[in-house]
C-alpha cells in the first residue's frame, strides 16, 4: 500500500483540484493528545492483545481502562476477523436459547446461558437477543 493517495475533483467553479491524502502516520507524533490511545490500538490491533496494549499505555502514562480498549478494538479489525465472542462456536446456540426465552431479562438470560455452558456478557446478550435464529452474527457494532 502506498503511503499517499492522490484525490482529484472539480469544484463548483469548474477548477480541477488535486490533493494528496497521507495514509501513514507516526503514532509518536500524537503522544499527549486525546486520540493517542486509539492510534496505538489501531496500529497494534492485529498482533497485540488488549491487555498488552493496556500495559504499554500505562507505561506511557496514558489513562485508558482495559474495558475502553476492548470496546473500541473492533473499530480497527479487518472484516471477517476472528473476534473473541464466538471462539467457542456457541453463538448460534446462544441465540436459539434466547429466542426460546423472550420473556427473560438480560441478567436472567446471562444466567440461563451460563447454565447451558455458554459464557456471554450482559452487553453481548443485549446486542444479540433479537438476532435471527441460525443467521451468523457480526460482533462489530454498527
C-alpha atoms as a PDB file:
ATOM      1  CA  UNK A   1       0.000   0.000   0.000  1.00  0.00           C
ATOM      2  CA  UNK A   2       1.242   3.427  -0.915  1.00  0.00           C
ATOM      3  CA  UNK A   3       1.602   5.948   1.880  1.00  0.00           C
ATOM      4  CA  UNK A   4      -0.177   8.615  -0.212  1.00  0.00           C
ATOM      5  CA  UNK A   5      -3.261   8.666  -2.421  1.00  0.00           C
ATOM      6  CA  UNK A   6      -3.990  11.405  -4.914  1.00  0.00           C
ATOM      7  CA  UNK A   7      -7.560  12.681  -4.804  1.00  0.00           C
ATOM      8  CA  UNK A   8      -8.969  14.873  -7.597  1.00  0.00           C
ATOM      9  CA  UNK A   9     -12.289  16.638  -8.112  1.00  0.00           C
ATOM     10  CA  UNK A  10     -13.808  19.591  -9.874  1.00  0.00           C
ATOM     11  CA  UNK A  11     -15.095  22.397  -7.655  1.00  0.00           C
ATOM     12  CA  UNK A  12     -18.223  24.486  -8.236  1.00  0.00           C
ATOM     13  CA  UNK A  13     -16.269  26.934 -10.420  1.00  0.00           C
ATOM     14  CA  UNK A  14     -15.051  24.183 -12.755  1.00  0.00           C
ATOM     15  CA  UNK A  15     -11.481  24.267 -11.403  1.00  0.00           C
ATOM     16  CA  UNK A  16      -9.727  20.911 -11.099  1.00  0.00           C
ATOM     17  CA  UNK A  17      -8.408  20.428  -7.571  1.00  0.00           C
ATOM     18  CA  UNK A  18      -5.866  17.769  -6.599  1.00  0.00           C
ATOM     19  CA  UNK A  19      -4.851  16.851  -3.053  1.00  0.00           C
ATOM     20  CA  UNK A  20      -2.653  14.137  -1.584  1.00  0.00           C
ATOM     21  CA  UNK A  21      -4.040  12.165   1.340  1.00  0.00           C
ATOM     22  CA  UNK A  22      -1.449  10.596   3.649  1.00  0.00           C
ATOM     23  CA  UNK A  23      -2.264   7.059   4.761  1.00  0.00           C
ATOM     24  CA  UNK A  24       0.581   6.569   7.201  1.00  0.00           C
ATOM     25  CA  UNK A  25       1.355   8.416  10.396  1.00  0.00           C
ATOM     26  CA  UNK A  26       3.934   8.270  13.126  1.00  0.00           C
ATOM     27  CA  UNK A  27       1.913   7.499  16.240  1.00  0.00           C
ATOM     28  CA  UNK A  28       4.676   9.041  18.331  1.00  0.00           C
ATOM     29  CA  UNK A  29       3.750  12.451  16.939  1.00  0.00           C
ATOM     30  CA  UNK A  30       0.455  12.223  18.845  1.00  0.00           C
ATOM     31  CA  UNK A  31       1.734  11.487  22.372  1.00  0.00           C
ATOM     32  CA  UNK A  32      -0.222  13.602  24.823  1.00  0.00           C
ATOM     33  CA  UNK A  33      -3.291  14.001  22.611  1.00  0.00           C
ATOM     34  CA  UNK A  34      -6.689  12.522  23.500  1.00  0.00           C
ATOM     35  CA  UNK A  35      -6.578  10.214  20.456  1.00  0.00           C
ATOM     36  CA  UNK A  36      -3.175   8.682  21.236  1.00  0.00           C
ATOM     37  CA  UNK A  37      -4.635   5.541  22.840  1.00  0.00           C
ATOM     38  CA  UNK A  38      -6.854   4.929  19.811  1.00  0.00           C
ATOM     39  CA  UNK A  39      -3.912   5.357  17.429  1.00  0.00           C
ATOM     40  CA  UNK A  40      -1.834   2.857  19.411  1.00  0.00           C
ATOM     41  CA  UNK A  41      -4.801   0.478  19.371  1.00  0.00           C
ATOM     42  CA  UNK A  42      -5.232   0.934  15.599  1.00  0.00           C
ATOM     43  CA  UNK A  43      -1.546   0.337  14.921  1.00  0.00           C
ATOM     44  CA  UNK A  44      -1.460  -2.845  17.022  1.00  0.00           C
ATOM     45  CA  UNK A  45      -4.972  -4.304  16.798  1.00  0.00           C
ATOM     46  CA  UNK A  46      -3.927  -7.431  14.913  1.00  0.00           C
ATOM     47  CA  UNK A  47      -0.861  -8.584  16.810  1.00  0.00           C
ATOM     48  CA  UNK A  48      -1.146  -7.350  20.424  1.00  0.00           C
ATOM     49  CA  UNK A  49      -3.889  -8.276  22.854  1.00  0.00           C
ATOM     50  CA  UNK A  50      -5.907  -5.615  24.655  1.00  0.00           C
ATOM     51  CA  UNK A  51      -4.090  -6.292  27.980  1.00  0.00           C
ATOM     52  CA  UNK A  52      -0.708  -5.906  26.246  1.00  0.00           C
ATOM     53  CA  UNK A  53      -1.793  -2.587  24.722  1.00  0.00           C
ATOM     54  CA  UNK A  54      -3.105  -1.524  28.135  1.00  0.00           C
ATOM     55  CA  UNK A  55       0.247  -2.362  29.733  1.00  0.00           C
ATOM     56  CA  UNK A  56       2.060  -0.291  27.087  1.00  0.00           C
ATOM     57  CA  UNK A  57      -0.271   2.678  27.593  1.00  0.00           C
ATOM     58  CA  UNK A  58       0.219   2.505  31.364  1.00  0.00           C
ATOM     59  CA  UNK A  59       3.976   2.734  30.843  1.00  0.00           C
ATOM     60  CA  UNK A  60       3.359   5.788  28.646  1.00  0.00           C
ATOM     61  CA  UNK A  61       1.192   7.195  31.462  1.00  0.00           C
ATOM     62  CA  UNK A  62      -1.912   7.249  29.275  1.00  0.00           C
ATOM     63  CA  UNK A  63      -5.022   6.644  31.346  1.00  0.00           C
ATOM     64  CA  UNK A  64      -7.348   4.291  29.468  1.00  0.00           C
ATOM     65  CA  UNK A  65      -9.050   1.305  31.003  1.00  0.00           C
ATOM     66  CA  UNK A  66      -8.864  -2.196  29.617  1.00  0.00           C
ATOM     67  CA  UNK A  67     -12.619  -2.020  29.016  1.00  0.00           C
ATOM     68  CA  UNK A  68     -12.121   1.146  26.931  1.00  0.00           C
ATOM     69  CA  UNK A  69      -9.631  -0.685  24.724  1.00  0.00           C
ATOM     70  CA  UNK A  70     -11.725  -3.830  24.352  1.00  0.00           C
ATOM     71  CA  UNK A  71     -14.855  -1.904  23.410  1.00  0.00           C
ATOM     72  CA  UNK A  72     -13.036   0.020  20.688  1.00  0.00           C
ATOM     73  CA  UNK A  73     -10.813  -2.748  19.347  1.00  0.00           C
ATOM     74  CA  UNK A  74     -13.438  -3.826  16.781  1.00  0.00           C
ATOM     75  CA  UNK A  75     -13.052  -0.442  15.058  1.00  0.00           C
ATOM     76  CA  UNK A  76      -9.653  -1.459  13.720  1.00  0.00           C
ATOM     77  CA  UNK A  77     -10.150  -5.134  12.920  1.00  0.00           C
ATOM     78  CA  UNK A  78     -10.355  -6.288   9.339  1.00  0.00           C
ATOM     79  CA  UNK A  79     -13.734  -7.549   8.112  1.00  0.00           C
ATOM     80  CA  UNK A  80     -14.082 -11.225   8.924  1.00  0.00           C
ATOM     81  CA  UNK A  81     -11.564 -11.068  11.772  1.00  0.00           C
ATOM     82  CA  UNK A  82     -11.957 -13.726  14.423  1.00  0.00           C
ATOM     83  CA  UNK A  83     -13.482 -11.870  17.342  1.00  0.00           C
ATOM     84  CA  UNK A  84     -13.342 -13.445  20.773  1.00  0.00           C
ATOM     85  CA  UNK A  85     -17.100 -13.710  21.280  1.00  0.00           C
ATOM     86  CA  UNK A  86     -17.601 -16.757  19.047  1.00  0.00           C
ATOM     87  CA  UNK A  87     -14.367 -18.636  19.613  1.00  0.00           C
ATOM     88  CA  UNK A  88     -16.327 -21.284  21.496  1.00  0.00           C
ATOM     89  CA  UNK A  89     -18.658 -21.713  18.454  1.00  0.00           C
ATOM     90  CA  UNK A  90     -21.776 -21.436  20.637  1.00  0.00           C
ATOM     91  CA  UNK A  91     -23.148 -18.221  19.204  1.00  0.00           C
ATOM     92  CA  UNK A  92     -25.972 -19.803  17.161  1.00  0.00           C
ATOM     93  CA  UNK A  93     -26.920 -21.975  20.128  1.00  0.00           C
ATOM     94  CA  UNK A  94     -26.981 -18.927  22.419  1.00  0.00           C
ATOM     95  CA  UNK A  95     -29.264 -17.025  20.017  1.00  0.00           C
ATOM     96  CA  UNK A  96     -31.599 -20.032  19.808  1.00  0.00           C
ATOM     97  CA  UNK A  97     -31.805 -20.271  23.615  1.00  0.00           C
ATOM     98  CA  UNK A  98     -32.530 -16.547  23.867  1.00  0.00           C
ATOM     99  CA  UNK A  99     -35.334 -16.860  21.280  1.00  0.00           C
ATOM    100  CA  UNK A 100     -36.869 -19.714  23.281  1.00  0.00           C
ATOM    101  CA  UNK A 101     -36.982 -17.451  26.366  1.00  0.00           C
ATOM    102  CA  UNK A 102     -38.081 -13.982  25.166  1.00  0.00           C
ATOM    103  CA  UNK A 103     -39.677 -13.057  28.485  1.00  0.00           C
ATOM    104  CA  UNK A 104     -36.424 -13.241  30.480  1.00  0.00           C
ATOM    105  CA  UNK A 105     -34.445 -10.165  31.463  1.00  0.00           C
ATOM    106  CA  UNK A 106     -30.890  -9.619  30.270  1.00  0.00           C
ATOM    107  CA  UNK A 107     -29.494 -10.725  33.601  1.00  0.00           C
ATOM    108  CA  UNK A 108     -31.601 -13.885  33.641  1.00  0.00           C
ATOM    109  CA  UNK A 109     -30.620 -14.690  30.046  1.00  0.00           C
ATOM    110  CA  UNK A 110     -26.944 -14.427  31.010  1.00  0.00           C
ATOM    111  CA  UNK A 111     -27.580 -16.860  33.869  1.00  0.00           C
ATOM    112  CA  UNK A 112     -29.555 -19.224  31.609  1.00  0.00           C
ATOM    113  CA  UNK A 113     -26.795 -19.231  29.012  1.00  0.00           C
ATOM    114  CA  UNK A 114     -24.234 -19.901  31.725  1.00  0.00           C
ATOM    115  CA  UNK A 115     -26.302 -22.891  32.871  1.00  0.00           C
ATOM    116  CA  UNK A 116     -26.019 -24.211  29.305  1.00  0.00           C
ATOM    117  CA  UNK A 117     -22.237 -23.717  29.362  1.00  0.00           C
ATOM    118  CA  UNK A 118     -22.253 -20.547  27.241  1.00  0.00           C
ATOM    119  CA  UNK A 119     -20.480 -17.598  28.813  1.00  0.00           C
ATOM    120  CA  UNK A 120     -21.696 -14.266  27.428  1.00  0.00           C
ATOM    121  CA  UNK A 121     -21.786 -10.779  28.912  1.00  0.00           C
ATOM    122  CA  UNK A 122     -24.976  -8.841  29.531  1.00  0.00           C
ATOM    123  CA  UNK A 123     -23.897  -6.400  26.791  1.00  0.00           C
ATOM    124  CA  UNK A 124     -23.489  -9.259  24.300  1.00  0.00           C
ATOM    125  CA  UNK A 125     -26.948 -10.566  25.194  1.00  0.00           C
ATOM    126  CA  UNK A 126     -28.432  -7.077  24.771  1.00  0.00           C
ATOM    127  CA  UNK A 127     -26.908  -6.705  21.292  1.00  0.00           C
ATOM    128  CA  UNK A 128     -27.758 -10.201  20.056  1.00  0.00           C
ATOM    129  CA  UNK A 129     -31.043 -11.178  21.689  1.00  0.00           C
ATOM    130  CA  UNK A 130     -33.021 -10.136  18.584  1.00  0.00           C
ATOM    131  CA  UNK A 131     -30.692 -11.725  16.038  1.00  0.00           C
ATOM    132  CA  UNK A 132     -32.423 -14.148  13.665  1.00  0.00           C
ATOM    133  CA  UNK A 133     -32.017 -17.779  14.665  1.00  0.00           C
ATOM    134  CA  UNK A 134     -29.434 -19.535  12.500  1.00  0.00           C
ATOM    135  CA  UNK A 135     -28.008 -16.357  10.965  1.00  0.00           C
ATOM    136  CA  UNK A 136     -24.338 -15.617  11.522  1.00  0.00           C
ATOM    137  CA  UNK A 137     -23.911 -12.674  13.870  1.00  0.00           C
ATOM    138  CA  UNK A 138     -21.477  -9.837  13.463  1.00  0.00           C
ATOM    139  CA  UNK A 139     -19.666  -8.823  16.660  1.00  0.00           C
ATOM    140  CA  UNK A 140     -18.904  -5.358  15.388  1.00  0.00           C
ATOM    141  CA  UNK A 141     -21.217  -2.527  16.268  1.00  0.00           C
ATOM    142  CA  UNK A 142     -22.928  -0.561  13.515  1.00  0.00           C
END
